[in-house]
Amino acid sequence: MNDGYWSICQGFATDIRGSIAIMAAMVFPILVGGMALGTEAGFWYLSQRRLQQTADLVAIAAVVQLRSGRTGGPMQEVARDIAARNGFQADHDTMTVNNPPLVGTRTGSGKAVEVTIVRSQKRYFTLIYDTEPVEIRARAVAEYVLGSNACLLALDSTADGAVTVAGSSEVIFEGCDVATNSNDAEAFRMSGGSVQLSTGCVHSVGGVETTSGLTLTGCSSPRTEVPVAIDPYSDIKNPEVVGNCADGNLSNVVVTPDTGHPLGIGSKHFCGGLTLSGAVSFAPGLYIVDGGVFKINASTLVTGTGVTFYLTGGASLSYNGGATIHLIAPSSGPLAGLLFFADRDDVGVAHKINGNSDSKLNGAIYMPSGDIDYNGNFSGGGGCTQIVTRRVTFSGNSSLEVNCTAAGTRRIAVGESIALVE
């Protein structure tokens, strides 16, 4: 080979013109791909964090329902609603809600709810690598820690003295607590030098005013500024008023339903009040008192098992102190646990419940919009008596004992905590 040929080869070998362009052409796709991957990975991370936040909120909401006794369909419905309000995309996401959780440290715990959300995330910049969507997952487990049971809950959110124990009354709540949802500085009030109240604990969203007559067996002092207690019967609708008006003056009779109710139980409709005297026994069923006063005269003996009294049209209770009352709510069915149920639209109706020391009410006195004056020498011992009302005043000697294993009543949960545990 001649020198000219070697010169040409040497020229090509040492000529660096255009080398940057060649290197750029080789590296640029890798650089663009890396930038695309980094950008989209950041978007995936952000989506996962948002999805995790949604799962956390859904898990907590589901446990709140679980704590209130609402499982299955009602709990799932709330979970779907909370998810939809917080970014759940039905066309891209799937969600499962398990109680108890199927995996993790809370597997099998009936007090915990596991929420898993999976999103099929469409690719954008990274389509150059793969066309399949990216799966983004979020999982949360929330659990509630058991507190105690209340047998009295006042629902009014602002009332002064929503729970009042006054006069010379001696009130005993055996095996249960007292709770008020009022945020007033004196939501719970004791007044009177000789007033006595014994209970497990007092729970108040607001404050309390107590005397030396307060005895607490489950806590060292009243608990104030606590979370609002949930109305355990809030999901039960006002029963329909059906049937012809029956005679409301009853004495020495056995009362039986005469109308089929849409709830699938027998019912009887009293218009303009109901007055009882002598010995009156009620067969199982729903008894509707539409307007007027539900009155029990002195020396009357009233008995009934599996009964619910629904007060509507402004009807009120007026139980004489000399009456003996033995009533038991249904233990199952659509009105399980409800002994008295007052129309939610009858705001501020005053009810007076008296009785003698032999009287027992086994079930819930549920008057969410009414006010109760619970007085006289009235005992609820040996059974299960709950009071859920707007406001309540105790002005006589009363004893309430909770043993609700088979009464059909729902738990009034107080002093509980809810937390994300996974």
Protein backbone atom coordinates (compact mmCIF):
# COMPACT_ATOMS: atom_id res chain seq x y z
CA MET A 1 0.00 0.00 0.00
CA ASN A 2 1.19 3.43 -0.83
CA ASP A 3 1.58 6.40 1.39
CA GLY A 4 -1.51 8.09 -0.08
CA TYR A 5 -3.76 5.27 1.05
CA TRP A 6 -2.43 5.39 4.59
CA SER A 7 -2.93 9.11 4.65
CA ILE A 8 -6.57 8.74 3.76
CA CYS A 9 -7.08 6.11 6.47
CA GLN A 10 -5.31 8.28 8.98
CA GLY A 11 -7.54 11.17 8.04
CA PHE A 12 -10.69 9.21 8.70
CA ALA A 13 -9.36 7.93 12.01
CA THR A 14 -8.41 11.34 13.30
CA ASP A 15 -11.34 13.33 11.89
CA ILE A 16 -13.75 14.11 14.81
CA ARG A 17 -16.14 16.28 12.87
CA GLY A 18 -19.77 14.99 13.37
CA SER A 19 -18.88 12.61 16.23
CA ILE A 20 -21.06 14.48 18.72
CA ALA A 21 -24.05 14.15 16.44
CA ILE A 22 -23.47 10.43 16.13
CA MET A 23 -23.12 9.98 19.89
CA ALA A 24 -26.20 12.14 20.49
CA ALA A 25 -28.21 10.07 18.02
CA MET A 26 -27.19 6.94 19.90
CA VAL A 27 -27.79 8.28 23.44
CA PHE A 28 -30.85 10.49 22.86
CA PRO A 29 -33.47 7.69 22.80
CA ILE A 30 -32.07 6.35 26.06
CA LEU A 31 -32.12 9.84 27.60
CA VAL A 32 -35.68 10.55 26.45
CA GLY A 33 -36.81 7.12 27.67
CA GLY A 34 -35.23 7.73 31.06
CA MET A 35 -36.88 11.13 31.35
CA ALA A 36 -40.23 9.61 30.38
CA LEU A 37 -39.84 6.82 32.89
CA GLY A 38 -38.86 9.25 35.65
CA THR A 39 -41.72 11.62 34.90
CA GLU A 40 -44.34 8.89 34.76
CA ALA A 41 -42.92 7.09 37.80
CA GLY A 42 -43.41 10.31 39.75
CA PHE A 43 -47.00 10.44 38.54
CA TRP A 44 -47.49 6.80 39.59
CA TYR A 45 -46.12 7.58 43.04
CA LEU A 46 -48.45 10.55 43.43
CA SER A 47 -51.41 8.43 42.30
CA GLN A 48 -50.50 5.73 44.79
CA ARG A 49 -50.30 8.22 47.65
CA ARG A 50 -53.71 9.63 46.75
CA LEU A 51 -55.10 6.12 46.46
CA GLN A 52 -53.63 5.27 49.86
CA GLN A 53 -55.30 8.32 51.38
CA THR A 54 -58.62 7.16 49.93
CA ALA A 55 -58.11 3.65 51.34
CA ASP A 56 -57.31 5.11 54.77
CA LEU A 57 -60.46 7.25 54.78
CA VAL A 58 -62.64 4.37 53.61
CA ALA A 59 -61.24 2.03 56.27
CA ILE A 60 -61.91 4.52 59.05
CA ALA A 61 -65.44 5.24 57.78
CA ALA A 62 -66.17 1.52 57.54
CA VAL A 63 -64.99 0.92 61.11
CA VAL A 64 -67.22 3.74 62.35
CA GLN A 65 -70.14 1.86 60.79
CA LEU A 66 -68.91 -1.42 62.22
CA ARG A 67 -68.69 0.08 65.69
CA SER A 68 -72.32 1.15 65.35
CA GLY A 69 -73.44 -2.37 64.52
CA ARG A 70 -73.87 -1.73 60.79
CA THR A 71 -72.13 -4.50 58.88
CA GLY A 72 -72.57 -6.02 55.44
CA GLY A 73 -74.55 -3.92 52.97
CA PRO A 74 -74.86 -0.72 55.04
CA MET A 75 -71.14 -0.69 55.77
CA GLN A 76 -70.28 -1.39 52.10
CA GLU A 77 -72.59 1.42 50.98
CA VAL A 78 -70.84 3.95 53.21
CA ALA A 79 -67.45 2.67 52.02
CA ARG A 80 -68.41 3.19 48.38
CA ASP A 81 -69.74 6.66 49.09
CA ILE A 82 -66.58 7.78 50.91
CA ALA A 83 -64.40 6.30 48.16
CA ALA A 84 -66.35 8.13 45.44
CA ARG A 85 -65.95 11.41 47.32
CA ASN A 86 -62.19 10.93 47.51
CA GLY A 87 -61.03 10.13 44.02
CA PHE A 88 -62.19 6.55 43.44
CA GLN A 89 -62.61 6.03 39.68
CA ALA A 90 -65.15 3.34 38.96
CA ASP A 91 -63.90 2.84 35.39
CA HIS A 92 -60.28 2.25 36.48
CA ASP A 93 -60.45 1.15 40.12
CA THR A 94 -61.70 -1.88 42.03
CA MET A 95 -62.22 -1.95 45.78
CA THR A 96 -62.73 -4.74 48.31
CA VAL A 97 -63.83 -4.22 51.90
CA ASN A 98 -63.27 -7.15 54.24
CA ASN A 99 -64.47 -7.57 57.81
CA PRO A 100 -62.59 -9.28 59.30
CA PRO A 101 -59.34 -8.70 57.35
CA LEU A 102 -58.08 -11.61 55.25
CA VAL A 103 -54.35 -10.95 55.68
CA GLY A 104 -51.99 -9.08 57.97
CA THR A 105 -51.67 -8.73 61.71
CA ARG A 106 -55.44 -8.24 62.18
CA THR A 107 -56.49 -11.33 60.25
CA GLY A 108 -59.75 -12.63 61.68
CA SER A 109 -60.36 -9.63 63.95
CA GLY A 110 -64.06 -8.80 64.03
CA LYS A 111 -63.24 -5.25 65.15
CA ALA A 112 -61.12 -4.44 62.08
CA VAL A 113 -61.86 -3.62 58.45
CA GLU A 114 -59.45 -4.17 55.58
CA VAL A 115 -59.76 -2.01 52.45
CA THR A 116 -57.86 -2.74 49.25
CA ILE A 117 -58.07 -0.52 46.16
CA VAL A 118 -56.44 -1.50 42.86
CA ARG A 119 -56.12 0.98 40.00
CA SER A 120 -55.37 0.04 36.41
CA GLN A 121 -53.30 3.09 35.44
CA LYS A 122 -53.03 3.84 31.73
CA ARG A 123 -49.51 4.49 30.44
CA TYR A 124 -48.51 7.65 28.61
CA PHE A 125 -44.80 8.40 28.14
CA THR A 126 -43.70 4.85 28.92
CA LEU A 127 -45.69 3.32 26.09
CA ILE A 128 -42.33 3.01 24.32
CA TYR A 129 -41.47 0.27 26.84
CA ASP A 130 -44.79 -1.52 27.37
CA THR A 131 -48.43 -1.06 26.38
CA GLU A 132 -49.96 -2.85 29.39
CA PRO A 133 -51.48 -0.61 32.12
CA VAL A 134 -49.63 -0.26 35.42
CA GLU A 135 -51.28 -1.75 38.50
CA ILE A 136 -51.31 0.62 41.48
CA ARG A 137 -52.41 -0.77 44.84
CA ALA A 138 -53.34 0.71 48.21
CA ARG A 139 -54.32 -1.16 51.36
CA ALA A 140 -55.46 0.06 54.76
CA VAL A 141 -56.68 -1.63 57.92
CA ALA A 142 -58.58 0.29 60.60
CA GLU A 143 -59.68 -1.10 63.96
CA TYR A 144 -61.72 0.09 66.90
CA VAL A 145 -60.75 -0.52 70.48
CA LEU A 146 -63.62 -1.41 72.74
CA GLY A 147 -64.62 1.12 75.33
CA SER A 148 -67.68 0.78 77.53
CA ASN A 149 -71.47 0.67 77.20
CA ALA A 150 -73.85 3.49 77.97
CA CYS A 151 -77.46 2.99 78.99
CA LEU A 152 -78.24 6.70 78.70
CA LEU A 153 -77.46 8.95 75.74
CA ALA A 154 -78.71 12.54 75.36
CA LEU A 155 -78.52 13.55 71.68
CA ASP A 156 -79.01 17.33 71.83
CA SER A 157 -75.83 18.97 70.55
CA THR A 158 -76.06 22.31 72.39
CA ALA A 159 -78.40 21.96 75.38
CA ASP A 160 -77.52 23.25 78.81
CA GLY A 161 -78.17 20.35 81.20
CA ALA A 162 -78.91 17.82 78.44
CA VAL A 163 -78.59 15.27 81.25
CA THR A 164 -79.82 16.67 84.56
CA VAL A 165 -79.99 14.87 87.89
CA ALA A 166 -81.84 17.13 90.30
CA GLY A 167 -83.77 17.41 93.53
CA SER A 168 -83.25 14.66 96.07
CA SER A 169 -83.03 11.92 93.48
CA GLU A 170 -80.90 8.83 93.85
CA VAL A 171 -80.10 7.34 90.44
CA ILE A 172 -78.14 4.14 89.93
CA PHE A 173 -76.82 3.02 86.54
CA GLU A 174 -75.53 -0.47 87.12
CA GLY A 175 -73.01 -1.85 84.65
CA CYS A 176 -73.22 1.08 82.23
CA ASP A 177 -72.25 4.70 81.60
CA VAL A 178 -73.97 8.03 80.96
CA ALA A 179 -73.26 10.10 77.83
CA THR A 180 -74.31 13.45 76.41
CA ASN A 181 -73.56 14.84 72.94
CA SER A 182 -74.08 18.44 74.02
CA ASN A 183 -71.10 20.77 73.72
CA ASP A 184 -72.41 23.11 76.43
CA ALA A 185 -70.14 23.85 79.39
CA GLU A 186 -72.74 22.19 81.65
CA ALA A 187 -74.01 19.51 79.29
CA PHE A 188 -74.18 17.14 82.26
CA ARG A 189 -75.47 18.68 85.45
CA MET A 190 -76.10 17.53 89.00
CA SER A 191 -77.90 19.94 91.31
CA GLY A 192 -79.19 19.64 94.86
CA GLY A 193 -77.37 18.93 98.08
CA SER A 194 -78.74 15.41 98.51
CA VAL A 195 -78.70 14.25 94.89
CA GLN A 196 -76.92 10.93 94.31
CA LEU A 197 -75.77 9.40 91.04
CA SER A 198 -73.82 6.18 90.61
CA THR A 199 -72.56 5.09 87.18
CA GLY A 200 -69.55 3.60 85.49
CA CYS A 201 -68.42 6.88 83.95
CA VAL A 202 -69.79 10.14 82.58
CA HIS A 203 -68.92 11.10 78.99
CA SER A 204 -69.62 14.64 77.76
CA VAL A 205 -68.82 16.35 74.47
CA GLY A 206 -68.89 19.57 76.47
CA GLY A 207 -68.38 20.03 80.19
CA VAL A 208 -69.93 18.77 83.42
CA GLU A 209 -71.22 20.22 86.68
CA THR A 210 -71.17 17.64 89.45
CA THR A 211 -71.59 17.37 93.21
CA SER A 212 -70.05 15.20 95.89
CA GLY A 213 -72.96 12.82 95.28
CA LEU A 214 -71.38 11.49 92.08
CA THR A 215 -69.95 7.97 92.34
CA LEU A 216 -67.96 6.62 89.39
CA THR A 217 -67.11 2.92 89.31
CA GLY A 218 -65.39 2.72 85.93
CA CYS A 219 -63.25 5.86 85.73
CA SER A 220 -61.57 8.28 88.09
CA SER A 221 -63.35 11.42 86.87
CA PRO A 222 -65.90 12.47 84.21
CA ARG A 223 -64.55 12.48 80.67
CA THR A 224 -65.13 15.79 78.93
CA GLU A 225 -64.60 17.01 75.35
CA VAL A 226 -65.06 13.46 74.07
CA PRO A 227 -66.19 12.53 70.54
CA VAL A 228 -69.90 12.51 69.79
CA ALA A 229 -71.53 9.17 70.60
CA ILE A 230 -73.40 7.58 67.72
CA ASP A 231 -77.16 7.15 67.89
CA PRO A 232 -77.44 3.35 67.62
CA TYR A 233 -80.97 3.46 66.16
CA SER A 234 -80.52 6.30 63.66
CA ASP A 235 -81.00 4.01 60.66
CA ILE A 236 -84.46 2.81 61.76
CA LYS A 237 -87.15 4.80 59.96
CA ASN A 238 -90.33 6.07 61.56
CA PRO A 239 -92.89 3.28 61.21
CA GLU A 240 -95.84 3.90 58.90
CA VAL A 241 -99.14 4.75 60.54
CA VAL A 242 -101.69 2.17 59.36
CA GLY A 243 -105.02 0.78 60.48
CA ASN A 244 -108.31 2.21 61.67
CA CYS A 245 -108.56 4.08 64.95
CA ALA A 246 -109.20 1.74 67.89
CA ASP A 247 -110.79 2.62 71.25
CA GLY A 248 -108.06 4.18 73.38
CA ASN A 249 -109.71 3.63 76.79
CA LEU A 250 -108.65 0.17 77.95
CA SER A 251 -109.27 -1.55 81.27
CA ASN A 252 -108.77 -5.18 82.30
CA VAL A 253 -108.21 -6.47 78.78
CA VAL A 254 -105.75 -8.34 76.63
CA VAL A 255 -104.83 -6.15 73.66
CA THR A 256 -103.93 -7.76 70.33
CA PRO A 257 -102.90 -6.31 66.94
CA ASP A 258 -105.65 -6.09 64.32
CA THR A 259 -103.75 -4.84 61.26
CA GLY A 260 -100.85 -6.18 59.23
CA HIS A 261 -98.05 -3.64 59.13
CA PRO A 262 -95.68 -3.09 56.15
CA LEU A 263 -92.81 -4.04 58.48
CA GLY A 264 -94.18 -7.58 58.49
CA ILE A 265 -95.60 -7.50 62.01
CA GLY A 266 -99.04 -7.03 63.51
CA SER A 267 -100.09 -3.54 64.63
CA LYS A 268 -102.91 -1.59 66.25
CA HIS A 269 -103.65 2.11 65.82
CA PHE A 270 -104.92 4.36 68.63
CA CYS A 271 -105.95 7.91 67.76
CA GLY A 272 -106.06 10.82 70.18
CA GLY A 273 -104.31 9.03 73.03
CA LEU A 274 -104.34 5.78 74.99
CA THR A 275 -105.46 5.43 78.62
CA LEU A 276 -104.89 2.25 80.65
CA SER A 277 -106.43 1.18 83.95
CA GLY A 278 -106.87 -2.07 85.83
CA ALA A 279 -104.85 -4.95 84.39
CA VAL A 280 -103.90 -4.56 80.73
CA SER A 281 -101.77 -7.04 78.84
CA PHE A 282 -100.37 -6.45 75.35
CA ALA A 283 -99.73 -9.28 72.89
CA PRO A 284 -96.58 -9.04 70.73
CA GLY A 285 -96.80 -6.36 68.06
CA LEU A 286 -96.53 -2.66 67.19
CA TYR A 287 -98.91 -0.28 68.97
CA ILE A 288 -99.27 3.15 67.38
CA VAL A 289 -100.40 6.04 69.58
CA ASP A 290 -101.32 8.85 67.18
CA GLY A 291 -101.70 12.13 69.07
CA GLY A 292 -102.90 12.76 72.60
CA VAL A 293 -101.44 11.26 75.75
CA PHE A 294 -100.42 7.68 76.48
CA LYS A 295 -101.54 7.57 80.08
CA ILE A 296 -101.28 4.84 82.69
CA ASN A 297 -103.40 5.47 85.75
CA ALA A 298 -102.40 4.74 89.34
CA SER A 299 -102.67 1.11 90.51
CA THR A 300 -102.67 -0.13 86.92
CA LEU A 301 -100.73 -3.28 86.04
CA VAL A 302 -99.39 -3.22 82.48
CA THR A 303 -97.61 -6.22 80.98
CA GLY A 304 -96.41 -7.18 77.52
CA THR A 305 -93.62 -9.11 75.81
CA GLY A 306 -92.35 -8.43 72.29
CA VAL A 307 -94.08 -5.04 72.12
CA THR A 308 -93.14 -1.67 70.64
CA PHE A 309 -95.13 1.51 71.30
CA TYR A 310 -94.72 4.10 68.55
CA LEU A 311 -95.72 7.67 69.48
CA THR A 312 -96.49 10.07 66.67
CA GLY A 313 -98.59 13.13 65.92
CA GLY A 314 -97.29 14.83 69.07
CA ALA A 315 -98.27 11.98 71.38
CA SER A 316 -96.64 11.98 74.81
CA LEU A 317 -96.16 9.57 77.70
CA SER A 318 -97.61 10.16 81.16
CA TYR A 319 -97.02 7.23 83.51
CA ASN A 320 -98.47 7.53 87.00
CA GLY A 321 -96.16 6.84 89.93
CA GLY A 322 -98.49 4.23 91.38
CA ALA A 323 -98.55 2.04 88.26
CA THR A 324 -96.69 -1.23 87.88
CA ILE A 325 -95.23 -1.66 84.42
CA HIS A 326 -93.58 -4.82 83.09
CA LEU A 327 -92.85 -4.37 79.39
CA ILE A 328 -90.34 -6.17 77.18
CA ALA A 329 -89.28 -5.09 73.68
CA PRO A 330 -88.99 -7.50 70.72
CA SER A 331 -85.69 -9.38 70.77
CA SER A 332 -85.60 -9.70 66.98
CA GLY A 333 -87.23 -8.30 63.86
CA PRO A 334 -87.37 -4.79 62.34
CA LEU A 335 -87.96 -3.09 65.71
CA ALA A 336 -85.68 -5.27 67.81
CA GLY A 337 -84.84 -3.73 71.17
CA LEU A 338 -87.23 -0.80 70.79
CA LEU A 339 -89.82 -0.62 73.55
CA PHE A 340 -90.83 3.03 73.01
CA PHE A 341 -90.15 4.86 69.77
CA ALA A 342 -91.15 8.52 69.40
CA ASP A 343 -91.51 10.18 66.01
CA ARG A 344 -88.35 12.08 65.08
CA ASP A 345 -90.48 14.96 63.79
CA ASP A 346 -92.10 15.53 67.20
CA VAL A 347 -89.45 17.93 68.49
CA GLY A 348 -89.63 18.98 72.13
CA VAL A 349 -92.53 16.76 73.18
CA ALA A 350 -92.32 16.21 76.95
CA HIS A 351 -92.66 12.67 78.33
CA LYS A 352 -93.06 11.74 81.98
CA ILE A 353 -92.16 8.23 83.13
CA ASN A 354 -93.08 7.25 86.67
CA GLY A 355 -93.57 3.89 88.25
CA ASN A 356 -93.14 1.95 91.44
CA SER A 357 -90.18 -0.07 92.66
CA ASP A 358 -91.54 -3.23 91.04
CA SER A 359 -91.73 -1.72 87.55
CA LYS A 360 -89.36 -2.84 84.83
CA LEU A 361 -88.87 -1.62 81.29
CA ASN A 362 -86.79 -4.07 79.28
CA GLY A 363 -85.68 -2.41 76.05
CA ALA A 364 -84.88 0.99 74.62
CA ILE A 365 -86.81 4.16 75.34
CA TYR A 366 -85.95 5.87 72.05
CA MET A 367 -87.18 9.44 71.80
CA PRO A 368 -84.54 11.20 69.70
CA SER A 369 -86.43 14.51 69.48
CA GLY A 370 -88.27 14.41 72.81
CA ASP A 371 -87.54 15.32 76.41
CA ILE A 372 -87.97 12.83 79.26
CA ASP A 373 -88.69 13.46 82.92
CA TYR A 374 -87.78 10.15 84.56
CA ASN A 375 -88.96 10.24 88.14
CA GLY A 376 -90.64 8.42 90.96
CA ASN A 377 -89.36 5.25 92.56
CA PHE A 378 -88.79 3.54 89.22
CA SER A 379 -86.57 0.51 88.78
CA GLY A 380 -85.16 -1.09 85.68
CA GLY A 381 -83.20 -3.71 87.57
CA GLY A 382 -83.01 -7.28 86.43
CA GLY A 383 -83.25 -6.42 82.77
CA CYS A 384 -82.05 -3.99 80.14
CA THR A 385 -83.21 -0.39 80.06
CA GLN A 386 -81.71 2.08 77.60
CA ILE A 387 -82.64 5.73 77.22
CA VAL A 388 -81.79 7.56 74.01
CA THR A 389 -83.43 10.97 73.92
CA ARG A 390 -82.87 14.62 73.17
CA ARG A 391 -82.74 15.65 76.82
CA VAL A 392 -83.50 13.89 80.10
CA THR A 393 -84.09 14.96 83.68
CA PHE A 394 -84.04 12.64 86.68
CA SER A 395 -86.06 14.00 89.55
CA GLY A 396 -86.79 10.85 91.54
CA ASN A 397 -85.21 7.60 92.65
CA SER A 398 -84.35 5.39 89.71
CA SER A 399 -82.27 2.30 89.15
CA LEU A 400 -81.22 1.19 85.68
CA GLU A 401 -79.36 -2.06 85.15
CA VAL A 402 -78.02 -3.24 81.84
CA ASN A 403 -77.96 -6.93 81.01
CA CYS A 404 -78.82 -6.89 77.34
CA THR A 405 -77.52 -10.26 76.17
CA ALA A 406 -80.88 -11.33 74.73
CA ALA A 407 -82.85 -8.09 74.73
CA GLY A 408 -82.29 -7.17 71.09
CA THR A 409 -81.06 -3.68 71.99
CA ARG A 410 -78.10 -2.15 70.24
CA ARG A 411 -74.93 -1.17 71.99
CA ILE A 412 -74.41 2.50 72.85
CA ALA A 413 -70.67 2.69 72.45
CA VAL A 414 -68.67 5.23 74.45
CA GLY A 415 -65.01 5.67 75.30
CA GLU A 416 -63.85 3.88 72.16
CA SER A 417 -61.00 4.76 69.83
CA ILE A 418 -60.50 4.14 66.13
CA ALA A 419 -57.08 3.93 64.51
CA LEU A 420 -55.31 2.88 61.33
CA VAL A 421 -53.26 -0.15 62.29
CA GLU A 422 -51.92 -1.25 58.89
